[in-house]
Amino acid sequence: MDIDTYWTLVEQARERATETDAEAVAAALTEILVERGAPAARGAHSAYSALAAQAYGWPLWGAAYTINGGCSDDGFEYFIGWLVAQGREVFERAVADPDSLADVVDEDTEAEGEDVMAAAWVASTTLTGDDDDGTDHGTTPLPPLGEGWDFDDDDLVREHYPRLAAIFLD
């Protein structure tokens, strides 16, 4: 499945979801993938993996850390799931400029979407009854993170994310 098709499915899931949180979008996405069958679920896994690789790096990790008040390795993966659930426009703006997330978060935002990252796997398991069919579903390797910085240094947070800092530090 190509990225454009995946984003179309995410948008359909956002429209179908009864609520706007990542869990509701994930549930709707899982339903859509089940309706489309196992090949679509496998393809969605591949597309999601490619998006996760695009987002994977210190710039967004620092934004996730700021928004969530901390962010472990797993927490960053869940953050990427949440980011995908926000839709293509928000995702692409955030990859280009993590501080743009100030447009979609507030001090009460829980930016975690573990269910989004698992939607394709859940759909595939539902369809096949097998939680590991032994095939490679096209996981994109994560790139190197690059050079990091101290996310607990408020001055650096303000430098990197002035708009997010205004929400979460001030």
Protein backbone atom coordinates (compact mmCIF):
# COMPACT_ATOMS: atom_id res chain seq x y z
CA MET A 1 0.00 0.00 0.00
CA ASP A 2 1.38 3.38 -0.89
CA ILE A 3 1.46 6.32 1.51
CA ASP A 4 -1.34 8.20 -0.27
CA THR A 5 -3.68 5.24 0.05
CA TYR A 6 -2.81 4.86 3.71
CA TRP A 7 -3.52 8.53 4.37
CA THR A 8 -6.88 8.12 2.61
CA LEU A 9 -7.70 5.29 5.02
CA VAL A 10 -6.63 7.38 8.01
CA GLU A 11 -8.88 10.20 6.83
CA GLN A 12 -11.77 7.76 6.42
CA ALA A 13 -11.09 6.51 9.94
CA ARG A 14 -11.06 10.08 11.28
CA GLU A 15 -14.44 10.67 9.63
CA ARG A 16 -15.86 7.38 10.91
CA ALA A 17 -14.59 7.75 14.47
CA THR A 18 -17.20 8.87 16.97
CA GLU A 19 -14.57 10.83 18.89
CA THR A 20 -11.44 12.66 17.79
CA ASP A 21 -8.95 10.93 20.09
CA ALA A 22 -6.32 8.56 18.74
CA GLU A 23 -7.99 5.46 20.24
CA ALA A 24 -11.23 6.15 18.36
CA VAL A 25 -9.34 6.77 15.11
CA ALA A 26 -7.38 3.54 15.65
CA ALA A 27 -10.57 1.54 16.22
CA ALA A 28 -12.11 2.96 13.05
CA LEU A 29 -8.90 2.33 11.08
CA THR A 30 -8.82 -1.27 12.29
CA GLU A 31 -12.44 -1.74 11.17
CA ILE A 32 -11.65 -0.31 7.73
CA LEU A 33 -8.63 -2.58 7.35
CA VAL A 34 -10.66 -5.64 8.38
CA GLU A 35 -13.25 -4.69 5.76
CA ARG A 36 -10.50 -4.46 3.11
CA GLY A 37 -8.87 -7.79 4.00
CA ALA A 38 -5.50 -9.18 5.05
CA PRO A 39 -3.49 -7.81 2.10
CA ALA A 40 -4.67 -4.28 2.99
CA ALA A 41 -3.76 -4.82 6.64
CA ARG A 42 -0.26 -5.96 5.67
CA GLY A 43 0.09 -3.02 3.30
CA ALA A 44 -1.08 -0.61 5.99
CA HIS A 45 1.61 -1.92 8.30
CA SER A 46 4.23 -1.18 5.67
CA ALA A 47 2.88 2.33 5.03
CA TYR A 48 2.66 3.12 8.76
CA SER A 49 6.23 1.91 9.20
CA ALA A 50 7.42 4.26 6.45
CA LEU A 51 5.65 7.19 8.13
CA ALA A 52 7.14 6.30 11.51
CA ALA A 53 10.59 6.37 9.92
CA GLN A 54 9.87 9.86 8.53
CA ALA A 55 8.92 11.13 11.99
CA TYR A 56 11.69 9.36 13.89
CA GLY A 57 14.28 11.83 15.12
CA TRP A 58 15.24 14.13 17.95
CA PRO A 59 13.23 17.11 16.68
CA LEU A 60 9.87 15.36 17.10
CA TRP A 61 11.05 13.39 20.12
CA GLY A 62 11.78 16.67 21.87
CA ALA A 63 8.32 17.95 20.98
CA ALA A 64 6.78 14.73 22.31
CA TYR A 65 8.81 15.09 25.50
CA THR A 66 7.60 18.65 25.93
CA ILE A 67 3.94 17.86 25.22
CA ASN A 68 3.79 14.71 27.35
CA GLY A 69 6.02 15.87 30.21
CA GLY A 70 8.58 13.19 29.35
CA CYS A 71 8.92 10.56 26.66
CA SER A 72 10.54 7.12 26.76
CA ASP A 73 11.46 5.06 23.69
CA ASP A 74 8.05 3.37 23.74
CA GLY A 75 6.39 6.68 24.52
CA PHE A 76 7.88 8.18 21.37
CA GLU A 77 6.52 5.30 19.30
CA TYR A 78 3.06 5.92 20.83
CA PHE A 79 3.46 9.64 20.11
CA ILE A 80 4.06 8.86 16.44
CA GLY A 81 0.85 6.82 16.47
CA TRP A 82 -0.98 9.82 17.92
CA LEU A 83 0.58 12.07 15.31
CA VAL A 84 -0.61 9.82 12.47
CA ALA A 85 -4.13 9.89 13.97
CA GLN A 86 -4.11 13.68 13.63
CA GLY A 87 -4.10 13.29 9.85
CA ARG A 88 -1.74 13.95 7.01
CA GLU A 89 -1.66 17.75 7.18
CA VAL A 90 -0.78 17.86 10.89
CA PHE A 91 1.73 15.02 10.47
CA GLU A 92 3.57 16.61 7.55
CA ARG A 93 3.68 20.05 9.20
CA ALA A 94 5.02 18.51 12.41
CA VAL A 95 7.74 16.56 10.60
CA ALA A 96 8.82 19.79 8.91
CA ASP A 97 8.34 21.97 12.01
CA PRO A 98 7.64 20.21 15.33
CA ASP A 99 6.69 23.53 16.95
CA SER A 100 3.65 23.62 14.64
CA LEU A 101 2.06 21.11 17.02
CA ALA A 102 1.20 24.13 19.16
CA ASP A 103 -1.72 24.54 16.75
CA VAL A 104 -3.29 21.21 17.79
CA VAL A 105 -2.36 20.64 21.45
CA ASP A 106 -3.11 22.20 24.78
CA GLU A 107 -1.89 21.56 28.31
CA ASP A 108 -4.37 18.65 28.66
CA THR A 109 -3.34 16.80 25.49
CA GLU A 110 -2.34 13.18 25.91
CA ALA A 111 -0.32 12.65 22.77
CA GLU A 112 -0.20 8.87 22.77
CA GLY A 113 -1.59 6.53 20.15
CA GLU A 114 -0.33 3.00 20.74
CA ASP A 115 -3.53 1.64 19.19
CA VAL A 116 -2.83 3.50 15.93
CA MET A 117 0.57 1.89 15.53
CA ALA A 118 -1.05 -1.52 16.18
CA ALA A 119 -4.13 -1.08 13.96
CA ALA A 120 -2.73 -3.01 11.00
CA TRP A 121 -1.48 -5.85 13.23
CA VAL A 122 -4.85 -6.08 15.03
CA ALA A 123 -6.70 -6.14 11.70
CA SER A 124 -4.37 -8.82 10.32
CA THR A 125 -4.70 -10.93 13.45
CA THR A 126 -8.49 -10.56 13.38
CA LEU A 127 -8.58 -11.67 9.75
CA THR A 128 -6.08 -14.52 9.91
CA GLY A 129 -6.31 -15.68 13.51
CA ASP A 130 -2.52 -15.68 13.55
CA ASP A 131 -0.62 -13.04 15.50
CA ASP A 132 2.63 -13.84 13.68
CA ASP A 133 2.37 -15.35 10.22
CA GLY A 134 6.16 -15.36 9.84
CA THR A 135 6.28 -12.95 6.94
CA ASP A 136 7.98 -9.62 6.68
CA HIS A 137 5.29 -6.97 6.33
CA GLY A 138 7.63 -4.33 5.01
CA THR A 139 8.94 -2.71 8.16
CA THR A 140 11.01 0.34 7.29
CA PRO A 141 14.20 0.56 9.35
CA LEU A 142 14.33 3.57 11.62
CA PRO A 143 16.97 6.12 10.69
CA PRO A 144 19.67 7.34 13.08
CA LEU A 145 18.30 9.90 15.52
CA GLY A 146 21.04 12.43 14.88
CA GLU A 147 22.45 14.67 17.57
CA GLY A 148 20.23 15.13 20.60
CA TRP A 149 19.97 17.75 23.30
CA ASP A 150 18.73 17.95 26.90
CA PHE A 151 14.92 18.02 26.76
CA ASP A 152 14.84 18.97 30.45
CA ASP A 153 16.67 22.24 29.77
CA ASP A 154 13.85 24.80 29.65
CA ASP A 155 16.01 27.35 27.83
CA LEU A 156 16.73 24.85 25.06
CA VAL A 157 13.06 23.87 24.89
CA ARG A 158 12.16 27.54 24.46
CA GLU A 159 14.82 27.86 21.76
CA HIS A 160 13.67 24.79 19.80
CA TYR A 161 9.91 25.06 20.41
CA PRO A 162 8.92 28.59 21.41
CA ARG A 163 5.22 28.01 20.79
CA LEU A 164 5.10 24.66 22.59
CA ALA A 165 7.14 26.14 25.45
CA ALA A 166 4.53 28.89 25.82
CA ILE A 167 1.90 26.19 26.39
CA PHE A 168 3.82 23.70 28.50
CA LEU A 169 6.50 25.70 30.34
CA ASP A 170 4.97 29.11 30.97
